[in-house]
């Protein structure tokens, strides 16, 4: 009896998670575009493209945008590298946002080294870096997350492009993939902590907190742009 029921229960659980994941929203378009623009990305207008792809690619793309971390999780650089192989894999229903950042950047550099364009891979990378600072993309998609996710995404969306100067940034230096993995893990942990904080306090992020959060993404993507510029000059 037990042997027969277990696979059924596992499959049912996965099915329920997939249905829930289908309703996950990222930062809205204007916020993604503002983050890319503030970072100095010349093709900032492509930053929302990864969400457009969800219409065509469904779960294959959707799972690149978040990681469902239970309370007490500590994201490490090793976590980032372990997720790289899961990029664009639709079987990993817990999500693999951290690996998607690294994998999309690798894809960009590979294409550039072949003398090809590669720019769309960088646009995907910019989108994933922006999702990294969204607290509810780093916590479990539970009842609080489902209720508040879309609302939180829209708080500054209508104003952010006119208020890029409100985004506070800081210096990040990346000289290797190891450096990048450390920075991804650092922001993931900060975002996860903030996500569970607002859940416990039964509230949404304030505008000040949101501008602080997206500042992490701007700072990281700006560092990534400097990193690839040095590589491209070699």
Protein backbone atom coordinates (compact mmCIF):
# COMPACT_ATOMS: atom_id res chain seq x y z
CA UNK A 1 0.00 0.00 0.00
CA UNK A 2 2.71 2.47 1.03
CA UNK A 3 4.82 1.75 -2.04
CA UNK A 4 1.83 2.35 -4.28
CA UNK A 5 0.72 5.59 -2.64
CA UNK A 6 4.10 7.37 -2.37
CA UNK A 7 4.65 8.01 -6.09
CA UNK A 8 1.05 9.21 -6.39
CA UNK A 9 1.48 11.63 -3.48
CA UNK A 10 4.78 12.91 -4.87
CA UNK A 11 3.30 13.47 -8.32
CA UNK A 12 0.26 15.21 -6.83
CA UNK A 13 2.51 17.49 -4.76
CA UNK A 14 4.57 18.42 -7.81
CA UNK A 15 1.38 19.09 -9.81
CA UNK A 16 0.06 21.42 -7.10
CA UNK A 17 3.37 23.30 -6.93
CA UNK A 18 3.38 23.73 -10.72
CA UNK A 19 -0.14 25.18 -10.65
CA UNK A 20 0.94 27.62 -7.94
CA UNK A 21 4.10 28.58 -9.78
CA UNK A 22 2.05 29.44 -12.86
CA UNK A 23 0.76 32.51 -11.01
CA UNK A 24 4.14 33.92 -9.91
CA UNK A 25 4.75 37.51 -11.00
CA UNK A 26 8.16 39.19 -11.23
CA UNK A 27 8.87 42.89 -10.82
CA UNK A 28 6.69 44.48 -13.51
CA UNK A 29 8.17 45.67 -16.82
CA UNK A 30 8.93 49.27 -15.88
CA UNK A 31 10.79 48.20 -12.75
CA UNK A 32 12.92 45.74 -14.71
CA UNK A 33 13.65 48.39 -17.33
CA UNK A 34 14.52 50.97 -14.65
CA UNK A 35 16.97 48.58 -12.98
CA UNK A 36 18.73 47.86 -16.27
CA UNK A 37 18.81 51.53 -17.22
CA UNK A 38 20.18 52.59 -13.83
CA UNK A 39 22.93 49.96 -14.17
CA UNK A 40 24.09 51.53 -17.44
CA UNK A 41 22.90 48.71 -19.69
CA UNK A 42 22.76 50.10 -23.23
CA UNK A 43 20.01 47.68 -24.26
CA UNK A 44 17.91 48.38 -21.15
CA UNK A 45 14.73 48.17 -23.24
CA UNK A 46 15.28 44.40 -23.56
CA UNK A 47 15.20 43.82 -19.80
CA UNK A 48 11.55 42.76 -19.70
CA UNK A 49 12.00 40.21 -22.48
CA UNK A 50 12.32 37.19 -20.21
CA UNK A 51 8.76 37.71 -19.00
CA UNK A 52 7.51 37.96 -22.57
CA UNK A 53 9.09 34.57 -23.28
CA UNK A 54 6.93 32.94 -20.61
CA UNK A 55 4.02 33.17 -23.05
CA UNK A 56 5.88 30.89 -25.47
CA UNK A 57 8.16 28.83 -23.22
CA UNK A 58 5.88 28.38 -20.19
CA UNK A 59 7.44 26.56 -17.25
CA UNK A 60 10.79 26.18 -18.99
CA UNK A 61 11.35 29.92 -18.63
CA UNK A 62 9.19 30.53 -15.57
CA UNK A 63 11.34 28.37 -13.30
CA UNK A 64 14.38 30.57 -14.00
CA UNK A 65 12.82 33.48 -12.10
CA UNK A 66 12.70 32.34 -8.47
CA UNK A 67 13.84 29.86 -5.85
CA UNK A 68 11.44 28.63 -3.17
CA UNK A 69 13.63 28.75 -0.05
CA UNK A 70 12.18 27.44 3.23
CA UNK A 71 12.85 29.44 6.38
CA UNK A 72 16.34 28.89 7.72
CA UNK A 73 17.86 28.35 4.26
CA UNK A 74 21.32 29.82 3.73
CA UNK A 75 22.15 30.40 0.08
CA UNK A 76 25.85 29.85 -0.59
CA UNK A 77 28.07 30.22 -3.65
CA UNK A 78 27.87 26.44 -3.95
CA UNK A 79 24.08 26.76 -4.19
CA UNK A 80 24.52 29.07 -7.16
CA UNK A 81 26.87 26.72 -9.02
CA UNK A 82 24.66 23.70 -8.28
CA UNK A 83 21.71 25.47 -9.90
CA UNK A 84 23.53 26.29 -13.14
CA UNK A 85 22.84 22.86 -14.63
CA UNK A 86 19.12 23.33 -13.92
CA UNK A 87 18.86 26.42 -16.12
CA UNK A 88 15.93 26.08 -18.56
CA UNK A 89 15.00 22.71 -17.02
CA UNK A 90 11.26 22.39 -16.40
CA UNK A 91 11.58 19.54 -13.89
CA UNK A 92 13.04 21.66 -11.07
CA UNK A 93 9.79 23.06 -9.64
CA UNK A 94 11.48 24.75 -6.66
CA UNK A 95 13.14 27.12 -9.12
CA UNK A 96 16.74 28.03 -9.92
CA UNK A 97 17.01 31.81 -10.17
CA UNK A 98 20.57 31.91 -8.85
CA UNK A 99 21.90 29.44 -11.38
CA UNK A 100 19.99 31.23 -14.15
CA UNK A 101 21.99 34.41 -13.56
CA UNK A 102 25.28 32.54 -13.89
CA UNK A 103 24.14 30.33 -16.79
CA UNK A 104 22.74 33.19 -18.90
CA UNK A 105 25.96 35.14 -18.42
CA UNK A 106 27.97 32.08 -19.50
CA UNK A 107 25.79 31.76 -22.59
CA UNK A 108 26.42 35.40 -23.45
CA UNK A 109 30.19 35.04 -23.10
CA UNK A 110 30.23 31.81 -25.14
CA UNK A 111 28.38 33.47 -28.01
CA UNK A 112 30.68 36.49 -27.91
CA UNK A 113 33.75 34.26 -27.99
CA UNK A 114 32.35 32.64 -31.13
CA UNK A 115 32.01 36.06 -32.71
CA UNK A 116 28.22 35.95 -32.46
CA UNK A 117 25.83 38.53 -31.04
CA UNK A 118 24.97 37.00 -27.67
CA UNK A 119 23.10 40.10 -26.55
CA UNK A 120 19.80 38.40 -25.83
CA UNK A 121 21.48 36.18 -23.25
CA UNK A 122 22.69 39.32 -21.48
CA UNK A 123 19.13 40.66 -21.55
CA UNK A 124 17.96 37.49 -19.80
CA UNK A 125 20.75 37.93 -17.26
CA UNK A 126 19.62 41.50 -16.54
CA UNK A 127 16.09 40.26 -15.88
CA UNK A 128 17.19 37.51 -13.51
CA UNK A 129 19.45 39.89 -11.59
CA UNK A 130 16.43 42.16 -11.11
CA UNK A 131 14.32 39.25 -9.82
CA UNK A 132 17.07 38.47 -7.29
CA UNK A 133 16.19 41.55 -5.21
CA UNK A 134 12.45 40.76 -5.12
CA UNK A 135 12.04 39.27 -1.62
CA UNK A 136 9.11 37.03 -2.57
CA UNK A 137 11.16 35.40 -5.33
CA UNK A 138 13.38 34.01 -2.59
CA UNK A 139 10.79 32.66 -0.14
CA UNK A 140 8.24 29.86 -0.22
CA UNK A 141 5.22 30.54 -2.40
CA UNK A 142 2.84 30.13 0.53
CA UNK A 143 -0.50 31.80 1.31
CA UNK A 144 1.15 35.12 2.23
CA UNK A 145 3.23 35.11 -0.96
CA UNK A 146 0.25 34.26 -3.17
CA UNK A 147 -1.89 36.98 -1.60
CA UNK A 148 0.69 39.77 -1.76
CA UNK A 149 3.05 38.95 -4.62
CA UNK A 150 1.34 40.81 -7.44
CA UNK A 151 0.49 43.79 -5.23
CA UNK A 152 4.08 44.16 -4.08
CA UNK A 153 5.33 44.05 -7.66
CA UNK A 154 3.24 47.03 -8.66
CA UNK A 155 3.91 49.46 -5.80
CA UNK A 156 6.51 51.60 -7.60
CA UNK A 157 5.99 50.39 -11.14
CA UNK A 158 4.19 53.50 -12.38
CA UNK A 159 6.75 55.90 -10.95
CA UNK A 160 10.11 54.15 -11.02
CA UNK A 161 11.28 55.32 -14.45
CA UNK A 162 10.83 58.92 -13.30
CA UNK A 163 12.63 58.27 -10.03
CA UNK A 164 15.77 56.37 -10.96
CA UNK A 165 17.73 58.80 -8.79
CA UNK A 166 16.02 57.26 -5.73
CA UNK A 167 17.81 53.97 -6.32
CA UNK A 168 20.78 53.84 -3.96
CA UNK A 169 23.68 51.75 -5.23
CA UNK A 170 27.05 50.61 -3.95
CA UNK A 171 30.28 49.28 -5.40
CA UNK A 172 30.64 45.59 -6.23
CA UNK A 173 33.75 44.21 -7.86
CA UNK A 174 33.58 40.99 -9.85
CA UNK A 175 36.72 39.42 -11.26
CA UNK A 176 35.62 35.78 -11.50
CA UNK A 177 32.61 33.49 -11.42
CA UNK A 178 33.43 32.80 -7.78
CA UNK A 179 33.05 36.51 -7.01
CA UNK A 180 29.75 36.58 -8.87
CA UNK A 181 28.43 33.53 -7.01
CA UNK A 182 29.30 35.16 -3.67
CA UNK A 183 27.43 38.34 -4.60
CA UNK A 184 24.39 36.43 -5.86
CA UNK A 185 24.27 34.45 -2.61
CA UNK A 186 24.65 37.61 -0.52
CA UNK A 187 21.73 39.38 -2.20
CA UNK A 188 19.61 36.21 -2.17
CA UNK A 189 20.03 35.93 1.61
CA UNK A 190 19.25 39.61 2.16
CA UNK A 191 16.13 39.35 -0.02
CA UNK A 192 14.99 36.14 1.66
CA UNK A 193 15.41 37.70 5.11
CA UNK A 194 13.37 40.72 4.03
CA UNK A 195 10.69 38.47 2.54
CA UNK A 196 10.16 36.52 5.74
CA UNK A 197 10.35 39.74 7.79
CA UNK A 198 7.43 41.34 5.97
CA UNK A 199 5.52 38.05 6.11
CA UNK A 200 5.92 37.89 9.89
CA UNK A 201 4.92 41.55 10.18
CA UNK A 202 1.94 40.92 7.88
CA UNK A 203 2.69 43.86 5.61
CA UNK A 204 4.07 44.85 2.21
CA UNK A 205 7.37 46.53 1.48
CA UNK A 206 7.40 50.31 1.79
CA UNK A 207 8.52 52.34 -1.20
CA UNK A 208 11.77 53.12 0.60
CA UNK A 209 12.40 49.41 1.11
CA UNK A 210 11.66 48.64 -2.53
CA UNK A 211 14.11 51.24 -3.81
CA UNK A 212 16.67 49.80 -1.39
CA UNK A 213 16.00 46.28 -2.68
CA UNK A 214 16.30 47.13 -6.36
CA UNK A 215 19.51 48.99 -5.51
CA UNK A 216 21.06 45.57 -4.86
CA UNK A 217 20.13 44.47 -8.38
CA UNK A 218 21.41 47.67 -9.99
CA UNK A 219 24.70 47.39 -8.11
CA UNK A 220 25.18 43.76 -9.11
CA UNK A 221 24.27 44.18 -12.76
CA UNK A 222 26.51 47.23 -13.06
CA UNK A 223 29.35 45.09 -11.72
CA UNK A 224 28.49 42.35 -14.23
CA UNK A 225 28.64 44.86 -17.09
CA UNK A 226 32.10 45.99 -15.98
CA UNK A 227 33.19 42.36 -15.65
CA UNK A 228 32.14 41.38 -19.18
CA UNK A 229 33.63 44.57 -20.58
CA UNK A 230 37.03 43.54 -19.24
CA UNK A 231 36.62 40.02 -20.63
CA UNK A 232 35.56 41.30 -24.05
CA UNK A 233 38.67 43.48 -24.23
CA UNK A 234 41.01 40.56 -23.63
